[in-house]
């Protein structure tokens, strides 16, 4: 058989609770010429069995019983990918049906763009909508505040395989901030873009102060390392100030009744069409997998 146009990388470590929905949302795409590479990072629950239960020839299972970490597994997936394009997906998120079709059409029409995202609606639990993730459409708007972050949601990424091959994830990993480190490190010789269309539902877990502080620290260290290397002293100072402000908000959010401070960045209004689409996906994909 000819190689697929698209390879979808889905890393997983014990994601059985939400994996079925995520896989069903990928396999139900309006564009079907893809392989789905399930990257088993030492799963000890039923995740591998769930992936196998779909009995779909497009699913390839890589990895094994050893826990290697997300960056190593993703680099392995890039090395094994057969598609001209690569898409990211997480085991707890949901693709809307036209995500791959829309993103591929844009990338094929814009050969100068290396990596493309899409807008993402944030939900938790059984479908409680919290808002939209921050957004920037162009490379310039996405990278205007590199000392803060580059708001290109990682589960929505799709790009050319050649870009992923040039820009591997850093090893040792930047714990809980590997995607932001990769975006910042590659921003100088890449072109990013993001569709102004909600094509992904991002599942938000509960606020956990310790995990959040780890991500803040590791990202700051990575940012400072790159800004010092590039002699961007102002950006280094702004990264320090931004991290301090975020940590202050994080600590306040850990107090009883103040978690809404942490989630304030997701406060953009969500259209009724997006609400209906998410509800439809949750109902249809859940019913098919049950």
Protein backbone atom coordinates (compact mmCIF):
# COMPACT_ATOMS: atom_id res chain seq x y z
CA UNK A 1 0.00 0.00 0.00
CA UNK A 2 1.11 3.56 -0.69
CA UNK A 3 2.32 5.60 2.25
CA UNK A 4 -0.38 7.78 3.85
CA UNK A 5 -0.33 11.54 3.40
CA UNK A 6 -0.58 12.12 7.15
CA UNK A 7 0.89 10.48 10.26
CA UNK A 8 -0.86 11.16 13.58
CA UNK A 9 1.25 10.81 16.73
CA UNK A 10 -0.68 9.96 19.89
CA UNK A 11 1.52 9.35 22.95
CA UNK A 12 -0.08 7.68 25.93
CA UNK A 13 0.82 6.73 29.47
CA UNK A 14 -2.15 5.24 31.32
CA UNK A 15 -4.85 7.19 29.50
CA UNK A 16 -7.52 4.49 29.48
CA UNK A 17 -10.19 6.72 31.03
CA UNK A 18 -10.32 9.07 28.03
CA UNK A 19 -8.42 7.26 25.27
CA UNK A 20 -11.45 5.70 23.59
CA UNK A 21 -13.02 9.10 22.87
CA UNK A 22 -9.74 10.49 21.57
CA UNK A 23 -9.11 7.56 19.24
CA UNK A 24 -12.67 7.56 17.95
CA UNK A 25 -12.44 11.27 17.17
CA UNK A 26 -9.32 10.64 15.07
CA UNK A 27 -10.71 7.61 13.26
CA UNK A 28 -13.94 9.52 12.46
CA UNK A 29 -12.22 12.34 10.55
CA UNK A 30 -13.63 13.41 7.18
CA UNK A 31 -10.06 12.98 5.84
CA UNK A 32 -9.01 9.36 6.06
CA UNK A 33 -5.60 8.98 4.37
CA UNK A 34 -3.57 8.75 7.57
CA UNK A 35 -1.82 6.36 9.92
CA UNK A 36 -2.34 6.69 13.65
CA UNK A 37 0.86 5.91 15.58
CA UNK A 38 -0.06 5.02 19.15
CA UNK A 39 3.04 5.62 21.27
CA UNK A 40 2.87 3.38 24.34
CA UNK A 41 4.97 4.98 27.07
CA UNK A 42 4.90 2.19 29.62
CA UNK A 43 1.13 1.91 30.01
CA UNK A 44 0.09 -0.34 32.89
CA UNK A 45 -3.68 0.15 32.52
CA UNK A 46 -5.92 -0.94 29.62
CA UNK A 47 -4.71 1.73 27.16
CA UNK A 48 -2.97 -0.67 24.75
CA UNK A 49 -5.93 -3.04 24.80
CA UNK A 50 -8.27 -0.13 24.01
CA UNK A 51 -6.15 0.88 21.01
CA UNK A 52 -6.10 -2.72 19.78
CA UNK A 53 -9.86 -3.10 20.24
CA UNK A 54 -10.59 -0.69 17.39
CA UNK A 55 -9.18 -3.26 14.95
CA UNK A 56 -8.36 -0.51 12.44
CA UNK A 57 -5.49 -1.12 10.01
CA UNK A 58 -4.51 2.55 10.25
CA UNK A 59 -3.42 2.14 13.89
CA UNK A 60 0.23 1.27 14.52
CA UNK A 61 1.36 0.60 18.10
CA UNK A 62 4.94 1.54 18.99
CA UNK A 63 6.80 1.81 22.28
CA UNK A 64 6.67 -0.67 25.10
CA UNK A 65 6.59 -1.39 28.80
CA UNK A 66 9.43 1.00 29.71
CA UNK A 67 8.53 4.55 30.74
CA UNK A 68 10.76 6.78 28.59
CA UNK A 69 8.91 10.09 28.71
CA UNK A 70 6.92 12.07 26.18
CA UNK A 71 9.80 13.66 24.21
CA UNK A 72 11.59 10.36 23.57
CA UNK A 73 8.37 8.69 22.44
CA UNK A 74 7.47 11.59 20.15
CA UNK A 75 10.94 11.59 18.59
CA UNK A 76 10.53 7.85 18.00
CA UNK A 77 7.18 8.50 16.35
CA UNK A 78 8.65 11.12 14.03
CA UNK A 79 11.36 8.65 13.07
CA UNK A 80 8.78 5.99 12.19
CA UNK A 81 6.23 8.28 10.50
CA UNK A 82 5.48 7.58 6.85
CA UNK A 83 3.34 10.60 6.06
CA UNK A 84 4.39 13.80 4.33
CA UNK A 85 2.67 15.63 7.18
CA UNK A 86 2.58 14.90 10.92
CA UNK A 87 -0.21 15.77 13.36
CA UNK A 88 -0.14 15.73 17.15
CA UNK A 89 -2.94 14.43 19.31
CA UNK A 90 -3.29 13.71 23.03
CA UNK A 91 -5.05 10.80 24.70
CA UNK A 92 -7.55 13.00 26.54
CA UNK A 93 -8.59 15.50 23.85
CA UNK A 94 -11.15 15.36 21.04
CA UNK A 95 -10.72 16.24 17.36
CA UNK A 96 -13.72 17.77 15.63
CA UNK A 97 -14.52 15.86 12.41
CA UNK A 98 -13.01 18.29 9.92
CA UNK A 99 -9.78 19.06 11.76
CA UNK A 100 -7.40 17.11 9.50
CA UNK A 101 -9.16 18.15 6.30
CA UNK A 102 -9.05 21.86 7.18
CA UNK A 103 -5.44 21.86 8.37
CA UNK A 104 -4.13 19.88 5.42
CA UNK A 105 -5.89 22.19 2.96
CA UNK A 106 -4.23 25.21 4.60
CA UNK A 107 -0.76 23.67 4.67
CA UNK A 108 -0.99 22.59 1.03
CA UNK A 109 -2.12 26.10 0.05
CA UNK A 110 0.61 27.79 2.14
CA UNK A 111 3.94 26.00 1.54
CA UNK A 112 5.77 28.65 3.59
CA UNK A 113 4.04 27.52 6.82
CA UNK A 114 5.91 24.81 8.72
CA UNK A 115 3.60 24.23 11.68
CA UNK A 116 -0.12 24.92 11.95
CA UNK A 117 -2.50 24.85 14.87
CA UNK A 118 -6.20 25.53 15.32
CA UNK A 119 -8.38 27.13 17.95
CA UNK A 120 -9.32 24.92 20.88
CA UNK A 121 -12.33 24.96 23.18
CA UNK A 122 -11.51 24.04 26.78
CA UNK A 123 -13.74 21.61 28.66
CA UNK A 124 -13.59 19.40 31.71
CA UNK A 125 -15.54 16.51 33.15
CA UNK A 126 -18.42 15.36 30.99
CA UNK A 127 -18.49 18.49 28.88
CA UNK A 128 -18.39 21.58 31.11
CA UNK A 129 -17.10 24.35 28.82
CA UNK A 130 -14.61 26.79 30.30
CA UNK A 131 -13.72 28.96 27.30
CA UNK A 132 -11.13 29.06 24.53
CA UNK A 133 -7.35 28.80 24.69
CA UNK A 134 -5.40 31.99 23.83
CA UNK A 135 -5.03 32.56 20.09
CA UNK A 136 -2.79 34.16 17.49
CA UNK A 137 -3.30 33.64 13.74
CA UNK A 138 0.07 34.53 12.25
CA UNK A 139 3.68 33.76 13.09
CA UNK A 140 4.20 37.37 14.14
CA UNK A 141 1.20 37.44 16.49
CA UNK A 142 2.06 34.03 17.94
CA UNK A 143 5.67 35.02 18.66
CA UNK A 144 5.13 38.64 19.70
CA UNK A 145 5.79 37.81 23.38
CA UNK A 146 8.32 34.94 23.34
CA UNK A 147 9.20 35.64 26.96
CA UNK A 148 5.63 34.75 27.93
CA UNK A 149 4.64 31.83 25.69
CA UNK A 150 3.73 30.97 22.10
CA UNK A 151 -0.05 30.25 22.16
CA UNK A 152 -0.12 27.37 19.68
CA UNK A 153 -1.93 24.48 21.46
CA UNK A 154 0.26 21.38 21.10
CA UNK A 155 -2.56 18.81 20.57
CA UNK A 156 -3.66 20.86 17.54
CA UNK A 157 -0.29 20.86 15.78
CA UNK A 158 0.06 19.70 12.20
CA UNK A 159 3.19 20.30 10.17
CA UNK A 160 5.50 18.98 7.55
CA UNK A 161 7.43 15.87 8.49
CA UNK A 162 10.65 17.59 7.40
CA UNK A 163 10.07 20.26 10.07
CA UNK A 164 9.63 17.67 12.83
CA UNK A 165 12.77 15.88 11.63
CA UNK A 166 14.78 19.11 11.82
CA UNK A 167 13.38 20.06 15.22
CA UNK A 168 13.37 17.09 17.55
CA UNK A 169 12.16 17.36 21.12
CA UNK A 170 14.98 18.16 23.51
CA UNK A 171 16.55 15.32 25.45
CA UNK A 172 16.78 15.43 28.44
CA UNK A 173 13.22 16.65 28.41
CA UNK A 174 11.98 20.03 29.55
CA UNK A 175 9.55 18.53 32.03
CA UNK A 176 5.95 19.61 31.45
CA UNK A 177 7.09 22.37 29.06
CA UNK A 178 8.60 20.39 26.17
CA UNK A 179 6.25 21.83 23.54
CA UNK A 180 6.84 25.47 24.48
CA UNK A 181 10.61 24.90 24.50
CA UNK A 182 10.41 23.39 21.01
CA UNK A 183 8.32 26.28 19.69
CA UNK A 184 10.67 28.90 21.12
CA UNK A 185 13.83 27.10 19.98
CA UNK A 186 12.52 26.68 16.42
CA UNK A 187 10.81 30.07 16.08
CA UNK A 188 13.83 31.76 14.49
CA UNK A 189 13.86 29.58 11.36
CA UNK A 190 10.22 28.45 11.16
CA UNK A 191 6.83 29.84 10.20
CA UNK A 192 3.88 29.13 12.47
CA UNK A 193 0.19 29.80 11.90
CA UNK A 194 -3.12 28.98 13.57
CA UNK A 195 -6.56 28.56 12.01
CA UNK A 196 -9.22 30.88 13.42
CA UNK A 197 -11.58 27.93 13.64
CA UNK A 198 -12.35 25.70 16.63
CA UNK A 199 -11.37 22.19 15.53
CA UNK A 200 -10.19 20.67 18.83
CA UNK A 201 -11.60 20.20 22.31
CA UNK A 202 -8.90 20.43 24.98
CA UNK A 203 -9.63 18.56 28.20
CA UNK A 204 -8.56 20.58 31.23
CA UNK A 205 -7.63 18.66 34.35
CA UNK A 206 -7.89 20.00 37.90
CA UNK A 207 -5.49 22.70 39.00
CA UNK A 208 -2.45 21.20 40.74
CA UNK A 209 -0.05 23.72 42.20
CA UNK A 210 3.01 21.46 42.39
CA UNK A 211 2.77 20.32 38.76
CA UNK A 212 2.15 23.87 37.62
CA UNK A 213 5.19 25.20 39.47
CA UNK A 214 7.37 22.48 37.94
CA UNK A 215 6.25 23.56 34.47
CA UNK A 216 6.91 27.22 35.29
CA UNK A 217 10.43 26.47 36.52
CA UNK A 218 11.50 24.21 33.68
CA UNK A 219 10.11 26.54 31.01
CA UNK A 220 11.82 29.55 32.59
CA UNK A 221 15.17 27.74 32.64
CA UNK A 222 14.75 26.82 28.97
CA UNK A 223 13.74 30.37 28.04
CA UNK A 224 16.68 31.91 29.86
CA UNK A 225 19.08 29.47 28.23
CA UNK A 226 17.86 30.40 24.75
CA UNK A 227 17.63 34.15 25.41
CA UNK A 228 21.16 34.20 26.82
CA UNK A 229 22.38 32.23 23.80
CA UNK A 230 20.71 34.72 21.47
CA UNK A 231 21.87 37.71 23.60
CA UNK A 232 18.28 38.85 24.01
CA UNK A 233 18.73 40.40 27.45
CA UNK A 234 15.41 42.23 27.50
CA UNK A 235 13.49 39.05 26.74
CA UNK A 236 15.38 37.29 29.53
CA UNK A 237 14.37 39.98 32.01
CA UNK A 238 10.75 39.89 30.81
CA UNK A 239 10.70 36.09 31.13
CA UNK A 240 11.78 36.41 34.78
CA UNK A 241 9.14 39.05 35.49
CA UNK A 242 6.43 37.08 33.70
CA UNK A 243 7.29 33.89 35.56
CA UNK A 244 7.16 35.72 38.90
CA UNK A 245 3.72 37.14 38.09
CA UNK A 246 2.41 33.74 37.00
CA UNK A 247 3.71 32.04 40.14
CA UNK A 248 1.95 34.67 42.25
CA UNK A 249 -1.33 33.91 40.46
CA UNK A 250 -0.69 30.17 40.83
CA UNK A 251 -0.23 30.49 44.58
CA UNK A 252 -3.38 32.57 44.93
CA UNK A 253 -5.28 30.04 42.81
CA UNK A 254 -4.35 27.31 45.28
CA UNK A 255 -6.37 29.07 47.99
CA UNK A 256 -9.95 27.87 48.57
CA UNK A 257 -12.41 29.39 46.12
CA UNK A 258 -9.80 31.11 43.95
CA UNK A 259 -9.10 28.51 41.26
CA UNK A 260 -10.93 30.69 38.75
CA UNK A 261 -7.87 32.97 38.71
CA UNK A 262 -5.80 30.22 37.08
CA UNK A 263 -8.44 29.57 34.44
CA UNK A 264 -9.08 33.25 33.64
CA UNK A 265 -6.98 33.05 30.44
CA UNK A 266 -9.61 30.68 29.02
CA UNK A 267 -12.42 33.17 29.42
CA UNK A 268 -13.04 33.93 25.72
CA UNK A 269 -16.72 33.44 24.77
CA UNK A 270 -17.66 30.18 23.06
CA UNK A 271 -20.18 30.18 20.21
CA UNK A 272 -23.32 28.09 20.34
CA UNK A 273 -22.15 26.20 17.25
CA UNK A 274 -18.97 25.13 19.07
CA UNK A 275 -20.97 24.12 22.13
CA UNK A 276 -23.27 21.98 20.00
CA UNK A 277 -20.36 20.41 18.15
CA UNK A 278 -18.60 19.42 21.35
CA UNK A 279 -21.80 17.93 22.79
CA UNK A 280 -22.36 16.01 19.56
CA UNK A 281 -18.82 14.63 19.55
CA UNK A 282 -19.02 13.55 23.18
CA UNK A 283 -22.32 11.78 22.57
CA UNK A 284 -21.46 10.12 19.25
CA UNK A 285 -17.89 9.05 20.00
CA UNK A 286 -18.81 7.90 23.47
CA UNK A 287 -21.68 5.81 22.14
CA UNK A 288 -19.53 4.22 19.41
CA UNK A 289 -16.81 3.23 21.83
CA UNK A 290 -19.03 1.95 24.63
